[in-house]
Amino acid sequence: MLDNVHAVENVGGDQAVAAQAFRLRQLGWDANASHPERGQGPVGWPPRDAYLEVALTGGDLAFIRDCLERGLVTTRFLVDSLSTEDRSRADQEESLRLKLAALDALDAIQPDPPA
């Protein structure tokens, strides 16, 4: 998700949003690089149920929530569109499920206090 936000905003969009998405994406990559279960989950990451520690502030969490909520609009549109092919619809339904799960997980996260 942050990859997409960064890519879209980096080309003629909001450079501050692109920079924040890049920074948060890098935090995840850094945490992944030292994770003992790296590569055992999707596309080189730890399994989805593995604990991956990333230090986030309240502002980071709000940014991530906003990105997920904006992404839900597009994903729901694609799921509901009559022109979406079955295979693509199944992919979008999975994306919708993961975005909703990520929003639920955000509710359980306590941000680190500002340094």
N, C-alpha and C. Protein backbone atom coordinates (compact mmCIF):
# COMPACT_ATOMS: atom_id res chain seq x y z
N MET A 1 0.82 -1.18 0.00
CA MET A 1 0.00 0.00 0.00
C MET A 1 0.86 1.25 0.00
N LEU A 2 1.87 1.29 0.88
CA LEU A 2 2.75 2.46 0.91
C LEU A 2 3.55 2.59 -0.37
N ASP A 3 3.86 1.46 -1.02
CA ASP A 3 4.53 1.50 -2.32
C ASP A 3 3.67 2.28 -3.32
N ASN A 4 2.38 1.96 -3.35
CA ASN A 4 1.48 2.63 -4.28
C ASN A 4 1.33 4.11 -3.96
N VAL A 5 1.17 4.44 -2.69
CA VAL A 5 1.04 5.84 -2.29
C VAL A 5 2.29 6.60 -2.71
N HIS A 6 3.45 6.05 -2.43
CA HIS A 6 4.70 6.71 -2.79
C HIS A 6 4.79 6.90 -4.30
N ALA A 7 4.50 5.85 -5.07
CA ALA A 7 4.63 5.92 -6.53
C ALA A 7 3.69 6.97 -7.13
N VAL A 8 2.45 6.97 -6.68
CA VAL A 8 1.47 7.91 -7.23
C VAL A 8 1.83 9.35 -6.86
N GLU A 9 2.11 9.59 -5.60
CA GLU A 9 2.40 10.96 -5.15
C GLU A 9 3.75 11.47 -5.64
N ASN A 10 4.67 10.58 -5.92
CA ASN A 10 6.01 10.98 -6.36
C ASN A 10 6.00 11.50 -7.80
N VAL A 11 4.96 11.19 -8.55
CA VAL A 11 4.87 11.64 -9.94
C VAL A 11 3.77 12.70 -10.04
N GLY A 12 4.15 13.93 -9.81
CA GLY A 12 3.22 15.04 -9.95
C GLY A 12 2.23 15.20 -8.82
N GLY A 13 2.46 14.49 -7.72
CA GLY A 13 1.55 14.59 -6.58
C GLY A 13 2.15 15.39 -5.45
N ASP A 14 1.75 15.06 -4.26
CA ASP A 14 2.20 15.74 -3.04
C ASP A 14 3.52 15.12 -2.59
N GLN A 15 4.59 15.87 -2.71
CA GLN A 15 5.92 15.36 -2.38
C GLN A 15 6.07 15.06 -0.89
N ALA A 16 5.36 15.78 -0.03
CA ALA A 16 5.42 15.50 1.41
C ALA A 16 4.79 14.15 1.70
N VAL A 17 3.69 13.84 1.03
CA VAL A 17 3.03 12.54 1.20
C VAL A 17 3.93 11.44 0.66
N ALA A 18 4.54 11.68 -0.51
CA ALA A 18 5.47 10.70 -1.09
C ALA A 18 6.63 10.44 -0.13
N ALA A 19 7.17 11.48 0.46
CA ALA A 19 8.30 11.32 1.38
C ALA A 19 7.90 10.56 2.64
N GLN A 20 6.72 10.84 3.17
CA GLN A 20 6.28 10.13 4.38
C GLN A 20 6.02 8.66 4.06
N ALA A 21 5.42 8.37 2.92
CA ALA A 21 5.19 6.98 2.53
C ALA A 21 6.53 6.26 2.36
N PHE A 22 7.49 6.93 1.74
CA PHE A 22 8.81 6.32 1.54
C PHE A 22 9.49 6.04 2.88
N ARG A 23 9.41 7.00 3.81
CA ARG A 23 10.03 6.83 5.12
C ARG A 23 9.42 5.65 5.87
N LEU A 24 8.11 5.56 5.88
CA LEU A 24 7.44 4.46 6.58
C LEU A 24 7.71 3.12 5.89
N ARG A 25 7.73 3.14 4.58
CA ARG A 25 8.06 1.93 3.82
C ARG A 25 9.46 1.46 4.18
N GLN A 26 10.39 2.39 4.31
CA GLN A 26 11.77 2.05 4.67
C GLN A 26 11.86 1.47 6.08
N LEU A 27 11.07 2.00 7.01
CA LEU A 27 11.04 1.44 8.36
C LEU A 27 10.62 -0.03 8.33
N GLY A 28 9.63 -0.34 7.52
CA GLY A 28 9.19 -1.73 7.38
C GLY A 28 10.26 -2.59 6.75
N TRP A 29 10.91 -2.09 5.72
CA TRP A 29 11.98 -2.86 5.07
C TRP A 29 13.13 -3.12 6.05
N ASP A 30 13.47 -2.10 6.84
CA ASP A 30 14.55 -2.27 7.82
C ASP A 30 14.19 -3.33 8.86
N ALA A 31 12.94 -3.30 9.33
CA ALA A 31 12.49 -4.31 10.30
C ALA A 31 12.49 -5.69 9.67
N ASN A 32 12.10 -5.78 8.43
CA ASN A 32 12.07 -7.06 7.72
C ASN A 32 13.48 -7.62 7.55
N ALA A 33 14.44 -6.76 7.28
CA ALA A 33 15.80 -7.22 6.99
C ALA A 33 16.41 -8.02 8.13
N SER A 34 16.04 -7.71 9.37
CA SER A 34 16.62 -8.42 10.51
C SER A 34 15.66 -9.43 11.15
N HIS A 35 14.51 -9.63 10.55
CA HIS A 35 13.52 -10.53 11.14
C HIS A 35 13.93 -11.99 10.93
N PRO A 36 13.88 -12.81 11.98
CA PRO A 36 14.31 -14.21 11.84
C PRO A 36 13.45 -15.05 10.90
N GLU A 37 12.21 -14.62 10.64
CA GLU A 37 11.33 -15.38 9.74
C GLU A 37 11.20 -14.71 8.37
N ARG A 38 12.11 -13.80 8.07
CA ARG A 38 12.08 -13.10 6.79
C ARG A 38 12.06 -14.12 5.65
N GLY A 39 11.20 -13.86 4.67
CA GLY A 39 11.12 -14.73 3.51
C GLY A 39 10.15 -15.89 3.66
N GLN A 40 9.59 -16.07 4.84
CA GLN A 40 8.66 -17.19 5.04
C GLN A 40 7.21 -16.79 4.79
N GLY A 41 6.99 -15.52 4.51
CA GLY A 41 5.65 -15.03 4.21
C GLY A 41 5.57 -14.54 2.78
N PRO A 42 4.55 -13.76 2.47
CA PRO A 42 4.38 -13.27 1.11
C PRO A 42 5.52 -12.35 0.67
N VAL A 43 5.93 -12.50 -0.55
CA VAL A 43 6.93 -11.67 -1.25
C VAL A 43 8.13 -11.27 -0.38
N GLY A 44 8.69 -12.24 0.32
CA GLY A 44 9.92 -12.00 1.07
C GLY A 44 9.76 -11.51 2.50
N TRP A 45 8.54 -11.30 2.94
CA TRP A 45 8.28 -10.82 4.29
C TRP A 45 8.13 -12.00 5.25
N PRO A 46 8.12 -11.73 6.54
CA PRO A 46 7.78 -12.78 7.51
C PRO A 46 6.32 -13.20 7.30
N PRO A 47 5.91 -14.32 7.89
CA PRO A 47 4.49 -14.71 7.81
C PRO A 47 3.59 -13.58 8.33
N ARG A 48 2.38 -13.51 7.81
CA ARG A 48 1.47 -12.42 8.19
C ARG A 48 1.18 -12.38 9.68
N ASP A 49 1.27 -13.53 10.36
CA ASP A 49 0.97 -13.54 11.80
C ASP A 49 2.21 -13.33 12.66
N ALA A 50 3.36 -13.08 12.04
CA ALA A 50 4.60 -12.84 12.79
C ALA A 50 4.62 -11.42 13.36
N TYR A 51 5.28 -11.27 14.48
CA TYR A 51 5.44 -9.96 15.11
C TYR A 51 6.57 -9.23 14.41
N LEU A 52 6.30 -8.03 13.92
CA LEU A 52 7.30 -7.21 13.24
C LEU A 52 7.30 -5.85 13.91
N GLU A 53 8.35 -5.56 14.65
CA GLU A 53 8.39 -4.33 15.43
C GLU A 53 8.87 -3.16 14.59
N VAL A 54 8.03 -2.13 14.53
CA VAL A 54 8.34 -0.89 13.81
C VAL A 54 7.90 0.26 14.72
N ALA A 55 8.83 1.16 15.01
CA ALA A 55 8.52 2.31 15.88
C ALA A 55 7.72 3.34 15.08
N LEU A 56 6.49 3.59 15.52
CA LEU A 56 5.60 4.54 14.84
C LEU A 56 5.09 5.57 15.83
N THR A 57 4.89 6.77 15.32
CA THR A 57 4.30 7.83 16.13
C THR A 57 2.80 7.89 15.85
N GLY A 58 2.10 8.67 16.63
CA GLY A 58 0.67 8.86 16.39
C GLY A 58 0.42 9.44 15.00
N GLY A 59 1.29 10.34 14.55
CA GLY A 59 1.16 10.91 13.21
C GLY A 59 1.36 9.86 12.13
N ASP A 60 2.30 8.94 12.36
CA ASP A 60 2.52 7.84 11.41
C ASP A 60 1.27 6.98 11.30
N LEU A 61 0.69 6.65 12.45
CA LEU A 61 -0.51 5.81 12.46
C LEU A 61 -1.67 6.50 11.76
N ALA A 62 -1.82 7.79 11.98
CA ALA A 62 -2.88 8.54 11.31
C ALA A 62 -2.67 8.56 9.80
N PHE A 63 -1.43 8.72 9.37
CA PHE A 63 -1.09 8.71 7.95
C PHE A 63 -1.43 7.36 7.33
N ILE A 64 -1.03 6.29 8.00
CA ILE A 64 -1.29 4.94 7.50
C ILE A 64 -2.79 4.69 7.43
N ARG A 65 -3.51 5.10 8.47
CA ARG A 65 -4.97 4.93 8.49
C ARG A 65 -5.60 5.68 7.31
N ASP A 66 -5.17 6.90 7.08
CA ASP A 66 -5.71 7.69 5.98
C ASP A 66 -5.44 7.01 4.63
N CYS A 67 -4.24 6.50 4.45
CA CYS A 67 -3.90 5.80 3.20
C CYS A 67 -4.78 4.57 3.01
N LEU A 68 -4.96 3.80 4.08
CA LEU A 68 -5.82 2.62 4.00
C LEU A 68 -7.27 2.99 3.68
N GLU A 69 -7.77 4.01 4.34
CA GLU A 69 -9.16 4.42 4.13
C GLU A 69 -9.37 4.93 2.70
N ARG A 70 -8.39 5.69 2.17
CA ARG A 70 -8.51 6.15 0.79
C ARG A 70 -8.43 4.97 -0.17
N GLY A 71 -7.57 4.00 0.14
CA GLY A 71 -7.46 2.81 -0.70
C GLY A 71 -8.72 1.97 -0.71
N LEU A 72 -9.45 1.98 0.40
CA LEU A 72 -10.70 1.22 0.48
C LEU A 72 -11.72 1.71 -0.55
N VAL A 73 -11.73 2.99 -0.80
CA VAL A 73 -12.68 3.55 -1.76
C VAL A 73 -12.46 2.93 -3.14
N THR A 74 -11.21 2.92 -3.57
CA THR A 74 -10.88 2.34 -4.88
C THR A 74 -11.13 0.84 -4.90
N THR A 75 -10.72 0.16 -3.85
CA THR A 75 -10.88 -1.29 -3.80
C THR A 75 -12.35 -1.68 -3.82
N ARG A 76 -13.17 -1.00 -3.05
CA ARG A 76 -14.61 -1.29 -3.05
C ARG A 76 -15.23 -1.03 -4.42
N PHE A 77 -14.78 0.04 -5.08
CA PHE A 77 -15.27 0.34 -6.42
C PHE A 77 -14.96 -0.81 -7.36
N LEU A 78 -13.72 -1.32 -7.31
CA LEU A 78 -13.32 -2.42 -8.20
C LEU A 78 -14.07 -3.72 -7.89
N VAL A 79 -14.30 -3.97 -6.61
CA VAL A 79 -15.06 -5.17 -6.23
C VAL A 79 -16.49 -5.08 -6.75
N ASP A 80 -17.08 -3.90 -6.67
CA ASP A 80 -18.49 -3.72 -7.04
C ASP A 80 -18.72 -3.50 -8.54
N SER A 81 -17.65 -3.18 -9.28
CA SER A 81 -17.80 -2.86 -10.69
C SER A 81 -18.18 -4.10 -11.52
N LEU A 82 -19.17 -3.95 -12.35
CA LEU A 82 -19.59 -5.04 -13.23
C LEU A 82 -18.53 -5.36 -14.28
N SER A 83 -17.64 -4.42 -14.56
CA SER A 83 -16.63 -4.64 -15.59
C SER A 83 -15.37 -5.33 -15.05
N THR A 84 -15.29 -5.51 -13.73
CA THR A 84 -14.13 -6.20 -13.15
C THR A 84 -14.23 -7.70 -13.41
N GLU A 85 -13.18 -8.26 -14.02
CA GLU A 85 -13.18 -9.69 -14.32
C GLU A 85 -13.09 -10.48 -13.01
N ASP A 86 -13.57 -11.73 -13.07
CA ASP A 86 -13.66 -12.56 -11.87
C ASP A 86 -12.33 -12.69 -11.13
N ARG A 87 -11.24 -12.96 -11.85
CA ARG A 87 -9.92 -13.13 -11.22
C ARG A 87 -9.48 -11.83 -10.54
N SER A 88 -9.67 -10.73 -11.22
CA SER A 88 -9.32 -9.43 -10.66
C SER A 88 -10.21 -9.11 -9.46
N ARG A 89 -11.49 -9.45 -9.56
CA ARG A 89 -12.41 -9.22 -8.44
C ARG A 89 -11.96 -10.01 -7.21
N ALA A 90 -11.53 -11.25 -7.42
CA ALA A 90 -11.05 -12.07 -6.29
C ALA A 90 -9.82 -11.43 -5.66
N ASP A 91 -8.93 -10.91 -6.48
CA ASP A 91 -7.74 -10.22 -5.95
C ASP A 91 -8.14 -8.98 -5.16
N GLN A 92 -9.11 -8.23 -5.68
CA GLN A 92 -9.56 -7.03 -5.00
C GLN A 92 -10.30 -7.37 -3.71
N GLU A 93 -11.05 -8.47 -3.71
CA GLU A 93 -11.72 -8.89 -2.47
C GLU A 93 -10.69 -9.24 -1.40
N GLU A 94 -9.60 -9.89 -1.79
CA GLU A 94 -8.52 -10.19 -0.84
C GLU A 94 -7.86 -8.90 -0.36
N SER A 95 -7.65 -7.97 -1.27
CA SER A 95 -7.08 -6.68 -0.89
C SER A 95 -8.00 -5.95 0.09
N LEU A 96 -9.29 -6.01 -0.15
CA LEU A 96 -10.26 -5.40 0.75
C LEU A 96 -10.19 -6.03 2.13
N ARG A 97 -10.13 -7.36 2.17
CA ARG A 97 -10.05 -8.08 3.45
C ARG A 97 -8.79 -7.67 4.21
N LEU A 98 -7.66 -7.58 3.51
CA LEU A 98 -6.39 -7.23 4.16
C LEU A 98 -6.40 -5.78 4.65
N LYS A 99 -6.96 -4.87 3.87
CA LYS A 99 -7.04 -3.47 4.30
C LYS A 99 -7.91 -3.33 5.54
N LEU A 100 -9.04 -4.02 5.56
CA LEU A 100 -9.92 -3.97 6.73
C LEU A 100 -9.23 -4.57 7.95
N ALA A 101 -8.49 -5.66 7.76
CA ALA A 101 -7.74 -6.27 8.87
C ALA A 101 -6.65 -5.32 9.35
N ALA A 102 -6.01 -4.62 8.43
CA ALA A 102 -4.97 -3.66 8.82
C ALA A 102 -5.57 -2.51 9.63
N LEU A 103 -6.75 -2.05 9.24
CA LEU A 103 -7.41 -1.00 10.01
C LEU A 103 -7.76 -1.50 11.41
N ASP A 104 -8.23 -2.72 11.52
CA ASP A 104 -8.53 -3.30 12.84
C ASP A 104 -7.25 -3.39 13.67
N ALA A 105 -6.15 -3.80 13.04
CA ALA A 105 -4.87 -3.92 13.76
C ALA A 105 -4.38 -2.56 14.23
N LEU A 106 -4.60 -1.52 13.46
CA LEU A 106 -4.18 -0.17 13.86
C LEU A 106 -4.84 0.24 15.17
N ASP A 107 -6.07 -0.21 15.37
CA ASP A 107 -6.78 0.14 16.60
C ASP A 107 -6.09 -0.43 17.85
N ALA A 108 -5.31 -1.48 17.67
CA ALA A 108 -4.64 -2.13 18.80
C ALA A 108 -3.23 -1.61 19.03
N ILE A 109 -2.73 -0.77 18.15
CA ILE A 109 -1.33 -0.29 18.25
C ILE A 109 -1.26 0.94 19.14
N GLN A 110 -0.27 0.94 20.00
CA GLN A 110 0.03 2.11 20.81
C GLN A 110 1.26 2.79 20.22
N PRO A 111 1.15 4.03 19.76
CA PRO A 111 2.32 4.69 19.17
C PRO A 111 3.39 4.98 20.21
N ASP A 112 4.64 5.00 19.75
CA ASP A 112 5.74 5.42 20.62
C ASP A 112 5.59 6.90 20.90
N PRO A 113 5.93 7.35 22.11
CA PRO A 113 5.86 8.79 22.39
C PRO A 113 6.91 9.52 21.56
N PRO A 114 6.65 10.79 21.21
CA PRO A 114 7.63 11.55 20.44
C PRO A 114 8.96 11.60 21.17
N ALA A 115 10.03 11.53 20.42
CA ALA A 115 11.38 11.56 21.01
C ALA A 115 11.79 12.98 21.37
